[in-house]
């Protein structure tokens, strides 16, 4: 229902539509594994472990990466509207497509094809994780590129948006407020509140 009535034709909303789809996939595909594990205390078949790990890591990390990109896009839409509108394919569509290709490819490579001895524990959450987590180099690369740096970027961009919004408000108090300035201010506040609420989730 939400996706049917979603305003896909508005470029400002499209990244949130993609986030809705990814989080919907988490609910439809990953959550049944988790609920089955929580109900029975174990996964019933060891052959499902790599798929559960792959789906879990791919969808959750893709959601985090898309949230970071939504923060960057929101900053561009607030403060560089004409630039991102002119460069919409390069700055909007291509990054989303690349993230949606990169994340599954990265985790297929690490979870399925990485050469390490996999010992699944059916009594552990996501079968106690993939074997690459127990080796320092791939684990560090995964954490630094897909988790740590992405969360850092999200925090920094949100802080920058908040600071710039406060600065803009102080400048507007000192200047003559016209109808155009008022509309820009309301748009900035609306986009900032949307971004902050999505990022805190």
N, C-alpha and C. Protein backbone atom coordinates (compact mmCIF):
# COMPACT_ATOMS: atom_id res chain seq x y z
N UNK A 1 0.82 -1.19 0.00
CA UNK A 1 0.00 0.00 0.00
C UNK A 1 0.87 1.26 0.00
N UNK A 2 1.89 1.26 0.86
CA UNK A 2 2.76 2.43 0.93
C UNK A 2 3.50 2.62 -0.38
N UNK A 3 4.02 1.53 -0.94
CA UNK A 3 4.78 1.64 -2.19
C UNK A 3 3.89 2.03 -3.36
N UNK A 4 2.62 1.59 -3.34
CA UNK A 4 1.71 1.92 -4.42
C UNK A 4 1.41 3.42 -4.44
N UNK A 5 1.22 4.00 -3.27
CA UNK A 5 0.88 5.42 -3.18
C UNK A 5 2.10 6.32 -3.01
N UNK A 6 3.28 5.74 -3.09
CA UNK A 6 4.51 6.51 -2.94
C UNK A 6 4.72 7.40 -4.16
N UNK A 7 5.25 8.59 -3.95
CA UNK A 7 5.45 9.55 -5.05
C UNK A 7 6.79 9.29 -5.73
N UNK A 8 6.83 8.25 -6.58
CA UNK A 8 8.07 7.85 -7.25
C UNK A 8 8.55 8.88 -8.25
N UNK A 9 7.65 9.69 -8.79
CA UNK A 9 8.05 10.65 -9.82
C UNK A 9 8.81 11.85 -9.26
N UNK A 10 8.81 12.05 -7.96
CA UNK A 10 9.56 13.15 -7.35
C UNK A 10 10.95 12.65 -6.98
N UNK A 11 11.95 13.26 -7.59
CA UNK A 11 13.34 12.81 -7.40
C UNK A 11 13.77 12.88 -5.94
N UNK A 12 13.22 13.82 -5.19
CA UNK A 12 13.58 13.98 -3.78
C UNK A 12 13.18 12.76 -2.97
N UNK A 13 12.10 12.09 -3.36
CA UNK A 13 11.57 10.97 -2.59
C UNK A 13 12.09 9.60 -3.02
N UNK A 14 12.74 9.51 -4.16
CA UNK A 14 13.07 8.20 -4.72
C UNK A 14 14.02 7.39 -3.84
N UNK A 15 14.99 8.02 -3.22
CA UNK A 15 15.91 7.28 -2.36
C UNK A 15 15.17 6.67 -1.17
N UNK A 16 14.15 7.37 -0.68
CA UNK A 16 13.36 6.82 0.43
C UNK A 16 12.48 5.67 -0.05
N UNK A 17 12.05 5.71 -1.31
CA UNK A 17 11.33 4.59 -1.89
C UNK A 17 12.20 3.35 -1.99
N UNK A 18 13.45 3.55 -2.40
CA UNK A 18 14.39 2.42 -2.47
C UNK A 18 14.65 1.88 -1.07
N UNK A 19 14.78 2.77 -0.09
CA UNK A 19 14.95 2.32 1.30
C UNK A 19 13.73 1.53 1.78
N UNK A 20 12.54 1.96 1.39
CA UNK A 20 11.33 1.21 1.75
C UNK A 20 11.35 -0.19 1.15
N UNK A 21 11.79 -0.30 -0.10
CA UNK A 21 11.87 -1.61 -0.75
C UNK A 21 12.88 -2.50 -0.03
N UNK A 22 14.06 -1.97 0.26
CA UNK A 22 15.10 -2.76 0.94
C UNK A 22 14.62 -3.20 2.32
N UNK A 23 14.02 -2.29 3.08
CA UNK A 23 13.54 -2.65 4.41
C UNK A 23 12.34 -3.59 4.33
N UNK A 24 11.55 -3.48 3.26
CA UNK A 24 10.48 -4.46 3.03
C UNK A 24 11.05 -5.84 2.76
N UNK A 25 12.15 -5.90 2.02
CA UNK A 25 12.82 -7.19 1.78
C UNK A 25 13.39 -7.76 3.08
N UNK A 26 13.87 -6.89 3.95
CA UNK A 26 14.34 -7.38 5.26
C UNK A 26 13.19 -8.06 6.00
N UNK A 27 12.02 -7.44 5.97
CA UNK A 27 10.86 -8.00 6.67
C UNK A 27 10.39 -9.29 6.00
N UNK A 28 10.36 -9.31 4.66
CA UNK A 28 9.82 -10.47 3.95
C UNK A 28 10.80 -11.64 3.83
N UNK A 29 12.09 -11.35 3.71
CA UNK A 29 13.06 -12.40 3.43
C UNK A 29 13.91 -12.76 4.65
N UNK A 30 14.45 -11.76 5.35
CA UNK A 30 15.36 -12.05 6.46
C UNK A 30 14.63 -12.35 7.76
N UNK A 31 13.57 -11.62 8.03
CA UNK A 31 12.86 -11.78 9.30
C UNK A 31 12.33 -13.19 9.55
N UNK A 32 11.82 -13.92 8.55
CA UNK A 32 11.40 -15.31 8.83
C UNK A 32 12.52 -16.20 9.37
N UNK A 33 13.76 -16.02 8.86
CA UNK A 33 14.89 -16.78 9.41
C UNK A 33 15.09 -16.43 10.89
N UNK A 34 15.08 -15.14 11.18
CA UNK A 34 15.31 -14.69 12.56
C UNK A 34 14.20 -15.17 13.49
N UNK A 35 12.95 -15.06 13.05
CA UNK A 35 11.83 -15.50 13.89
C UNK A 35 11.89 -17.00 14.13
N UNK A 36 12.24 -17.77 13.11
CA UNK A 36 12.35 -19.22 13.27
C UNK A 36 13.46 -19.56 14.25
N UNK A 37 14.58 -18.83 14.14
CA UNK A 37 15.69 -19.05 15.08
C UNK A 37 15.27 -18.69 16.51
N UNK A 38 14.60 -17.55 16.68
CA UNK A 38 14.20 -17.12 18.02
C UNK A 38 13.14 -18.05 18.63
N UNK A 39 12.26 -18.60 17.81
CA UNK A 39 11.21 -19.48 18.31
C UNK A 39 11.77 -20.84 18.72
N UNK A 40 12.64 -21.42 17.86
CA UNK A 40 13.15 -22.77 18.12
C UNK A 40 14.50 -22.78 18.83
N UNK A 41 15.19 -21.65 18.85
CA UNK A 41 16.51 -21.60 19.47
C UNK A 41 17.62 -22.11 18.57
N UNK A 42 17.27 -22.43 17.34
CA UNK A 42 18.26 -22.91 16.38
C UNK A 42 17.68 -22.82 14.98
N UNK A 43 18.55 -22.90 14.00
CA UNK A 43 18.11 -23.00 12.61
C UNK A 43 18.00 -24.48 12.30
N UNK A 44 16.96 -24.89 11.60
CA UNK A 44 16.69 -26.31 11.44
C UNK A 44 17.52 -26.99 10.37
N UNK A 45 18.22 -26.25 9.51
CA UNK A 45 19.00 -26.88 8.45
C UNK A 45 20.29 -26.10 8.23
N UNK A 46 21.42 -26.78 8.31
CA UNK A 46 22.71 -26.11 8.15
C UNK A 46 22.91 -25.55 6.75
N UNK A 47 22.26 -26.13 5.75
CA UNK A 47 22.41 -25.64 4.38
C UNK A 47 21.81 -24.24 4.20
N UNK A 48 20.94 -23.83 5.09
CA UNK A 48 20.34 -22.49 5.01
C UNK A 48 21.24 -21.41 5.59
N UNK A 49 22.26 -21.80 6.34
CA UNK A 49 23.13 -20.83 7.01
C UNK A 49 23.76 -19.82 6.05
N UNK A 50 24.41 -20.25 4.95
CA UNK A 50 25.03 -19.23 4.08
C UNK A 50 24.00 -18.27 3.48
N UNK A 51 22.80 -18.76 3.20
CA UNK A 51 21.77 -17.89 2.63
C UNK A 51 21.27 -16.88 3.66
N UNK A 52 21.10 -17.35 4.89
CA UNK A 52 20.66 -16.44 5.95
C UNK A 52 21.71 -15.37 6.19
N UNK A 53 22.98 -15.77 6.28
CA UNK A 53 24.06 -14.81 6.47
C UNK A 53 24.10 -13.81 5.32
N UNK A 54 24.02 -14.33 4.10
CA UNK A 54 24.09 -13.47 2.91
C UNK A 54 22.95 -12.47 2.88
N UNK A 55 21.74 -12.93 3.12
CA UNK A 55 20.57 -12.04 3.10
C UNK A 55 20.67 -11.02 4.22
N UNK A 56 21.04 -11.46 5.41
CA UNK A 56 21.15 -10.57 6.56
C UNK A 56 22.17 -9.47 6.31
N UNK A 57 23.39 -9.86 5.98
CA UNK A 57 24.46 -8.87 5.78
C UNK A 57 24.14 -7.95 4.61
N UNK A 58 23.71 -8.51 3.49
CA UNK A 58 23.45 -7.70 2.30
C UNK A 58 22.37 -6.66 2.55
N UNK A 59 21.23 -7.08 3.07
CA UNK A 59 20.12 -6.15 3.21
C UNK A 59 20.36 -5.11 4.30
N UNK A 60 20.91 -5.52 5.43
CA UNK A 60 21.14 -4.54 6.50
C UNK A 60 22.22 -3.53 6.11
N UNK A 61 23.31 -3.99 5.50
CA UNK A 61 24.36 -3.06 5.09
C UNK A 61 23.88 -2.18 3.95
N UNK A 62 23.11 -2.74 3.02
CA UNK A 62 22.55 -1.92 1.94
C UNK A 62 21.65 -0.83 2.50
N UNK A 63 20.87 -1.15 3.52
CA UNK A 63 20.03 -0.15 4.16
C UNK A 63 20.86 0.96 4.80
N UNK A 64 21.96 0.60 5.46
CA UNK A 64 22.83 1.60 6.08
C UNK A 64 23.49 2.48 5.03
N UNK A 65 23.97 1.86 3.94
CA UNK A 65 24.63 2.62 2.87
C UNK A 65 23.64 3.57 2.20
N UNK A 66 22.44 3.08 1.93
CA UNK A 66 21.43 3.94 1.29
C UNK A 66 21.00 5.08 2.21
N UNK A 67 20.97 4.85 3.51
CA UNK A 67 20.67 5.93 4.45
C UNK A 67 21.75 7.00 4.41
N UNK A 68 23.01 6.57 4.33
CA UNK A 68 24.11 7.54 4.21
C UNK A 68 23.99 8.32 2.92
N UNK A 69 23.66 7.63 1.83
CA UNK A 69 23.51 8.32 0.55
C UNK A 69 22.30 9.26 0.60
N UNK A 70 21.25 8.88 1.30
CA UNK A 70 20.09 9.76 1.45
C UNK A 70 20.49 11.04 2.18
N UNK A 71 21.39 10.93 3.15
CA UNK A 71 21.88 12.12 3.86
C UNK A 71 22.63 13.04 2.91
N UNK A 72 23.51 12.45 2.10
CA UNK A 72 24.27 13.26 1.14
C UNK A 72 23.34 13.90 0.12
N UNK A 73 22.40 13.11 -0.40
CA UNK A 73 21.44 13.65 -1.37
C UNK A 73 20.60 14.76 -0.76
N UNK A 74 20.18 14.57 0.47
CA UNK A 74 19.35 15.58 1.12
C UNK A 74 20.13 16.88 1.26
N UNK A 75 21.40 16.79 1.60
CA UNK A 75 22.25 17.98 1.67
C UNK A 75 22.30 18.66 0.30
N UNK A 76 22.50 17.88 -0.75
CA UNK A 76 22.55 18.46 -2.10
C UNK A 76 21.21 19.07 -2.50
N UNK A 77 20.11 18.42 -2.15
CA UNK A 77 18.80 18.96 -2.50
C UNK A 77 18.50 20.25 -1.73
N UNK A 78 18.99 20.36 -0.52
CA UNK A 78 18.74 21.57 0.27
C UNK A 78 19.60 22.72 -0.20
N UNK A 79 20.89 22.48 -0.39
CA UNK A 79 21.83 23.59 -0.62
C UNK A 79 22.36 23.69 -2.05
N UNK A 80 22.18 22.67 -2.87
CA UNK A 80 22.67 22.70 -4.26
C UNK A 80 21.61 22.10 -5.18
N UNK A 81 20.41 22.61 -5.07
CA UNK A 81 19.26 22.06 -5.78
C UNK A 81 19.45 22.04 -7.29
N UNK A 82 19.90 23.15 -7.86
CA UNK A 82 20.08 23.21 -9.32
C UNK A 82 21.15 22.24 -9.79
N UNK A 83 22.22 22.11 -9.04
CA UNK A 83 23.33 21.24 -9.42
C UNK A 83 22.88 19.78 -9.50
N UNK A 84 22.19 19.30 -8.47
CA UNK A 84 21.77 17.90 -8.47
C UNK A 84 20.65 17.66 -9.48
N UNK A 85 19.83 18.67 -9.74
CA UNK A 85 18.78 18.51 -10.74
C UNK A 85 19.37 18.39 -12.13
N UNK A 86 20.40 19.17 -12.41
CA UNK A 86 21.07 19.09 -13.72
C UNK A 86 21.84 17.79 -13.88
N UNK A 87 22.46 17.34 -12.82
CA UNK A 87 23.29 16.13 -12.85
C UNK A 87 22.56 14.93 -12.24
N UNK A 88 21.27 14.83 -12.48
CA UNK A 88 20.45 13.83 -11.81
C UNK A 88 20.89 12.39 -12.10
N UNK A 89 21.29 12.10 -13.33
CA UNK A 89 21.70 10.73 -13.64
C UNK A 89 23.00 10.39 -12.91
N UNK A 90 23.97 11.30 -12.95
CA UNK A 90 25.27 11.05 -12.34
C UNK A 90 25.21 11.06 -10.81
N UNK A 91 24.44 11.96 -10.23
CA UNK A 91 24.43 12.12 -8.77
C UNK A 91 23.26 11.44 -8.07
N UNK A 92 22.30 10.93 -8.83
CA UNK A 92 21.14 10.33 -8.18
C UNK A 92 20.98 8.85 -8.57
N UNK A 93 20.79 8.59 -9.85
CA UNK A 93 20.47 7.23 -10.29
C UNK A 93 21.68 6.29 -10.27
N UNK A 94 22.81 6.75 -10.78
CA UNK A 94 24.00 5.88 -10.85
C UNK A 94 24.47 5.44 -9.46
N UNK A 95 24.58 6.35 -8.46
CA UNK A 95 25.01 5.86 -7.13
C UNK A 95 24.06 4.82 -6.53
N UNK A 96 22.76 5.02 -6.68
CA UNK A 96 21.81 4.06 -6.12
C UNK A 96 21.98 2.70 -6.78
N UNK A 97 22.11 2.69 -8.10
CA UNK A 97 22.30 1.43 -8.83
C UNK A 97 23.62 0.77 -8.41
N UNK A 98 24.69 1.57 -8.30
CA UNK A 98 25.98 1.02 -7.90
C UNK A 98 25.94 0.42 -6.50
N UNK A 99 25.28 1.09 -5.57
CA UNK A 99 25.17 0.55 -4.21
C UNK A 99 24.38 -0.75 -4.21
N UNK A 100 23.31 -0.81 -5.01
CA UNK A 100 22.48 -2.02 -5.07
C UNK A 100 23.21 -3.18 -5.75
N UNK A 101 24.22 -2.90 -6.56
CA UNK A 101 25.03 -3.95 -7.17
C UNK A 101 26.21 -4.30 -6.28
N UNK A 102 26.86 -3.29 -5.71
CA UNK A 102 28.07 -3.49 -4.91
C UNK A 102 27.82 -4.35 -3.68
N UNK A 103 26.78 -4.04 -2.92
CA UNK A 103 26.57 -4.71 -1.64
C UNK A 103 26.35 -6.21 -1.79
N UNK A 104 25.42 -6.66 -2.64
CA UNK A 104 25.28 -8.12 -2.79
C UNK A 104 26.54 -8.78 -3.35
N UNK A 105 27.20 -8.11 -4.29
CA UNK A 105 28.42 -8.68 -4.88
C UNK A 105 29.50 -8.84 -3.82
N UNK A 106 29.68 -7.83 -2.99
CA UNK A 106 30.69 -7.87 -1.94
C UNK A 106 30.44 -9.04 -0.99
N UNK A 107 29.20 -9.20 -0.56
CA UNK A 107 28.91 -10.25 0.42
C UNK A 107 28.81 -11.64 -0.21
N UNK A 108 28.44 -11.75 -1.47
CA UNK A 108 28.53 -13.05 -2.14
C UNK A 108 29.99 -13.48 -2.19
N UNK A 109 30.88 -12.53 -2.50
CA UNK A 109 32.30 -12.85 -2.53
C UNK A 109 32.84 -13.28 -1.18
N UNK A 110 32.44 -12.59 -0.12
CA UNK A 110 32.97 -12.91 1.21
C UNK A 110 32.28 -14.11 1.87
N UNK A 111 30.98 -14.21 1.74
CA UNK A 111 30.25 -15.27 2.44
C UNK A 111 30.33 -16.60 1.68
N UNK A 112 30.18 -16.56 0.37
CA UNK A 112 30.11 -17.79 -0.41
C UNK A 112 31.48 -18.24 -0.91
N UNK A 113 32.26 -17.30 -1.46
CA UNK A 113 33.47 -17.68 -2.18
C UNK A 113 34.78 -17.47 -1.41
N UNK A 114 34.75 -16.81 -0.27
CA UNK A 114 36.00 -16.57 0.45
C UNK A 114 36.56 -17.90 0.95
N UNK A 115 37.86 -18.17 0.68
CA UNK A 115 38.44 -19.48 1.03
C UNK A 115 38.80 -19.58 2.52
N UNK A 116 37.86 -20.00 3.31
CA UNK A 116 38.13 -20.24 4.72
C UNK A 116 37.25 -21.40 5.19
N UNK A 117 37.62 -21.99 6.28
CA UNK A 117 36.89 -23.15 6.82
C UNK A 117 35.64 -22.67 7.56
N UNK A 118 34.49 -23.00 7.02
CA UNK A 118 33.23 -22.54 7.60
C UNK A 118 32.69 -23.61 8.55
N UNK A 119 32.46 -23.24 9.78
CA UNK A 119 31.85 -24.14 10.77
C UNK A 119 30.61 -23.44 11.32
N UNK A 120 29.46 -23.81 10.79
CA UNK A 120 28.21 -23.16 11.20
C UNK A 120 27.74 -23.69 12.55
N UNK A 121 27.25 -22.80 13.38
CA UNK A 121 26.67 -23.16 14.66
C UNK A 121 25.17 -22.90 14.55
N UNK A 122 24.39 -23.95 14.48
CA UNK A 122 22.94 -23.81 14.31
C UNK A 122 22.27 -23.15 15.50
N UNK A 123 22.95 -23.08 16.64
CA UNK A 123 22.38 -22.49 17.85
C UNK A 123 22.76 -21.02 18.01
N UNK A 124 23.55 -20.48 17.10
CA UNK A 124 23.96 -19.08 17.16
C UNK A 124 23.17 -18.23 16.17
N UNK A 125 23.00 -16.96 16.51
CA UNK A 125 22.30 -16.04 15.60
C UNK A 125 23.09 -15.94 14.29
N UNK A 126 22.41 -15.97 13.20
CA UNK A 126 22.98 -16.08 11.84
C UNK A 126 24.11 -17.11 11.80
N UNK A 127 23.85 -18.24 12.45
CA UNK A 127 24.77 -19.40 12.47
C UNK A 127 26.16 -19.00 12.96
N UNK A 128 26.23 -18.05 13.86
CA UNK A 128 27.47 -17.49 14.43
C UNK A 128 28.31 -16.75 13.40
N UNK A 129 27.73 -16.37 12.29
CA UNK A 129 28.40 -15.52 11.31
C UNK A 129 29.27 -16.28 10.32
N UNK A 130 29.72 -15.58 9.29
CA UNK A 130 30.57 -16.20 8.28
C UNK A 130 32.00 -16.36 8.80
N UNK A 131 32.75 -17.22 8.15
CA UNK A 131 34.11 -17.51 8.63
C UNK A 131 35.07 -16.35 8.41
N UNK A 132 34.81 -15.46 7.45
CA UNK A 132 35.74 -14.35 7.22
C UNK A 132 35.81 -13.40 8.41
N UNK A 133 34.80 -13.42 9.27
CA UNK A 133 34.81 -12.54 10.45
C UNK A 133 35.92 -12.92 11.43
N UNK A 134 36.40 -14.15 11.34
CA UNK A 134 37.44 -14.61 12.26
C UNK A 134 38.84 -14.40 11.70
N UNK A 135 38.93 -13.75 10.55
CA UNK A 135 40.22 -13.38 9.96
C UNK A 135 40.29 -11.86 9.94
N UNK A 136 41.40 -11.32 10.40
CA UNK A 136 41.47 -9.88 10.67
C UNK A 136 41.35 -9.00 9.42
N UNK A 137 42.00 -9.35 8.32
CA UNK A 137 42.02 -8.45 7.15
C UNK A 137 40.65 -8.31 6.51
N UNK A 138 39.97 -9.40 6.10
CA UNK A 138 38.65 -9.19 5.48
C UNK A 138 37.62 -8.60 6.45
N UNK A 139 37.71 -8.97 7.71
CA UNK A 139 36.79 -8.42 8.70
C UNK A 139 36.99 -6.92 8.86
N UNK A 140 38.25 -6.49 8.92
CA UNK A 140 38.56 -5.07 9.06
C UNK A 140 38.14 -4.28 7.82
N UNK A 141 38.39 -4.85 6.64
CA UNK A 141 37.98 -4.19 5.40
C UNK A 141 36.46 -4.03 5.37
N UNK A 142 35.75 -5.10 5.71
CA UNK A 142 34.29 -5.05 5.73
C UNK A 142 33.79 -4.00 6.71
N UNK A 143 34.32 -4.03 7.93
CA UNK A 143 33.83 -3.10 8.94
C UNK A 143 34.16 -1.66 8.56
N UNK A 144 35.39 -1.41 8.12
CA UNK A 144 35.80 -0.03 7.82
C UNK A 144 35.06 0.54 6.61
N UNK A 145 34.91 -0.26 5.55
CA UNK A 145 34.29 0.28 4.33
C UNK A 145 32.78 0.29 4.40
N UNK A 146 32.18 -0.74 4.95
CA UNK A 146 30.72 -0.87 4.88
C UNK A 146 29.97 -0.44 6.13
N UNK A 147 30.66 -0.32 7.24
CA UNK A 147 29.96 0.06 8.47
C UNK A 147 30.52 1.35 9.05
N UNK A 148 31.77 1.33 9.46
CA UNK A 148 32.36 2.48 10.16
C UNK A 148 32.35 3.76 9.35
N UNK A 149 32.88 3.71 8.13
CA UNK A 149 32.94 4.93 7.31
C UNK A 149 31.55 5.40 6.92
N UNK A 150 30.64 4.47 6.67
CA UNK A 150 29.27 4.85 6.28
C UNK A 150 28.55 5.54 7.43
N UNK A 151 28.68 5.01 8.63
CA UNK A 151 28.05 5.65 9.79
C UNK A 151 28.68 7.00 10.09
N UNK A 152 29.99 7.10 9.92
CA UNK A 152 30.69 8.38 10.13
C UNK A 152 30.21 9.43 9.12
N UNK A 153 30.08 9.04 7.86
CA UNK A 153 29.59 9.96 6.83
C UNK A 153 28.18 10.42 7.16
N UNK A 154 27.32 9.50 7.57
CA UNK A 154 25.94 9.86 7.92
C UNK A 154 25.91 10.87 9.06
N UNK A 155 26.69 10.64 10.10
CA UNK A 155 26.73 11.57 11.24
C UNK A 155 27.26 12.93 10.83
N UNK A 156 28.36 12.95 10.08
CA UNK A 156 28.96 14.23 9.68
C UNK A 156 28.00 15.03 8.81
N UNK A 157 27.40 14.40 7.82
CA UNK A 157 26.48 15.11 6.92
C UNK A 157 25.28 15.65 7.70
N UNK A 158 24.74 14.87 8.63
CA UNK A 158 23.60 15.34 9.42
C UNK A 158 23.98 16.52 10.31
N UNK A 159 25.17 16.47 10.89
CA UNK A 159 25.64 17.60 11.71
C UNK A 159 25.83 18.84 10.84
N UNK A 160 26.40 18.66 9.65
CA UNK A 160 26.58 19.80 8.73
C UNK A 160 25.24 20.40 8.35
N UNK A 161 24.25 19.57 8.07
CA UNK A 161 22.92 20.08 7.71
C UNK A 161 22.31 20.85 8.88
N UNK A 162 22.42 20.33 10.08
CA UNK A 162 21.87 21.02 11.25
C UNK A 162 22.56 22.37 11.46
N UNK A 163 23.89 22.39 11.38
CA UNK A 163 24.64 23.64 11.57
C UNK A 163 24.28 24.65 10.49
N UNK A 164 24.23 24.21 9.23
CA UNK A 164 23.90 25.14 8.15
C UNK A 164 22.46 25.65 8.26
N UNK A 165 21.56 24.81 8.73
CA UNK A 165 20.18 25.24 8.92
C UNK A 165 20.09 26.30 10.01
N UNK A 166 20.80 26.11 11.10
CA UNK A 166 20.82 27.11 12.18
C UNK A 166 21.44 28.41 11.70
N UNK A 167 22.55 28.32 10.96
CA UNK A 167 23.18 29.52 10.40
C UNK A 167 22.23 30.25 9.46
N UNK A 168 21.53 29.49 8.62
CA UNK A 168 20.60 30.11 7.68
C UNK A 168 19.47 30.81 8.44
N UNK A 169 19.01 30.22 9.50
CA UNK A 169 17.94 30.83 10.30
C UNK A 169 18.41 32.16 10.90
N UNK A 170 19.64 32.19 11.42
CA UNK A 170 20.17 33.43 11.99
C UNK A 170 20.36 34.50 10.92
N UNK A 171 20.80 34.12 9.74
CA UNK A 171 20.94 35.09 8.64
C UNK A 171 19.59 35.64 8.23
N UNK A 172 18.58 34.77 8.20
CA UNK A 172 17.25 35.22 7.79
C UNK A 172 16.64 36.17 8.83
N UNK A 173 16.95 35.98 10.10
CA UNK A 173 16.44 36.88 11.13
C UNK A 173 16.99 38.29 10.93
N UNK A 174 18.25 38.37 10.46
CA UNK A 174 18.88 39.68 10.26
C UNK A 174 18.47 40.34 8.95
N UNK A 175 18.05 39.56 7.98
CA UNK A 175 17.72 40.14 6.68
C UNK A 175 16.21 40.33 6.55
N UNK A 176 15.84 41.00 5.49
CA UNK A 176 14.42 41.20 5.21
C UNK A 176 13.87 39.89 4.67
N UNK A 177 12.80 39.42 5.27
CA UNK A 177 12.23 38.14 4.86
C UNK A 177 11.23 38.38 3.74
N UNK A 178 11.52 37.79 2.59
CA UNK A 178 10.61 37.88 1.45
C UNK A 178 9.86 36.55 1.34
N UNK A 179 8.90 36.52 0.42
CA UNK A 179 8.12 35.30 0.23
C UNK A 179 9.02 34.16 -0.25
N UNK A 180 9.96 34.46 -1.15
CA UNK A 180 10.88 33.44 -1.65
C UNK A 180 11.79 32.89 -0.57
N UNK A 181 12.30 33.77 0.29
CA UNK A 181 13.14 33.32 1.40
C UNK A 181 12.36 32.45 2.37
N UNK A 182 11.12 32.84 2.62
CA UNK A 182 10.29 32.08 3.54
C UNK A 182 10.02 30.67 3.00
N UNK A 183 9.73 30.57 1.70
CA UNK A 183 9.51 29.25 1.09
C UNK A 183 10.77 28.40 1.16
N UNK A 184 11.91 29.02 0.89
CA UNK A 184 13.19 28.29 0.95
C UNK A 184 13.45 27.81 2.38
N UNK A 185 13.15 28.66 3.35
CA UNK A 185 13.37 28.29 4.75
C UNK A 185 12.47 27.12 5.14
N UNK A 186 11.19 27.18 4.78
CA UNK A 186 10.28 26.09 5.12
C UNK A 186 10.69 24.79 4.43
N UNK A 187 11.15 24.88 3.21
CA UNK A 187 11.63 23.70 2.48
C UNK A 187 12.86 23.11 3.17
N UNK A 188 13.78 23.98 3.58
CA UNK A 188 15.00 23.52 4.26
C UNK A 188 14.65 22.81 5.56
N UNK A 189 13.76 23.39 6.34
CA UNK A 189 13.35 22.78 7.61
C UNK A 189 12.67 21.44 7.36
N UNK A 190 11.76 21.39 6.39
CA UNK A 190 11.04 20.15 6.10
C UNK A 190 12.00 19.03 5.69
N UNK A 191 12.93 19.33 4.78
CA UNK A 191 13.88 18.32 4.32
C UNK A 191 14.83 17.90 5.44
N UNK A 192 15.22 18.85 6.29
CA UNK A 192 16.12 18.53 7.41
C UNK A 192 15.43 17.63 8.43
N UNK A 193 14.19 17.91 8.74
CA UNK A 193 13.44 17.09 9.70
C UNK A 193 13.24 15.68 9.15
N UNK A 194 12.92 15.56 7.85
CA UNK A 194 12.77 14.24 7.24
C UNK A 194 14.06 13.44 7.34
N UNK A 195 15.16 14.08 7.00
CA UNK A 195 16.45 13.39 7.02
C UNK A 195 16.82 12.97 8.43
N UNK A 196 16.63 13.86 9.39
CA UNK A 196 17.00 13.55 10.77
C UNK A 196 16.18 12.38 11.30
N UNK A 197 14.87 12.37 10.99
CA UNK A 197 14.03 11.27 11.48
C UNK A 197 14.40 9.95 10.84
N UNK A 198 14.73 9.95 9.55
CA UNK A 198 15.13 8.71 8.86
C UNK A 198 16.47 8.23 9.38
N UNK A 199 17.41 9.14 9.59
CA UNK A 199 18.76 8.76 10.02
C UNK A 199 18.77 8.21 11.44
N UNK A 200 17.90 8.73 12.29
CA UNK A 200 17.88 8.24 13.67
C UNK A 200 17.26 6.85 13.78
N UNK A 201 16.46 6.47 12.79
CA UNK A 201 15.89 5.12 12.81
C UNK A 201 16.98 4.11 12.63
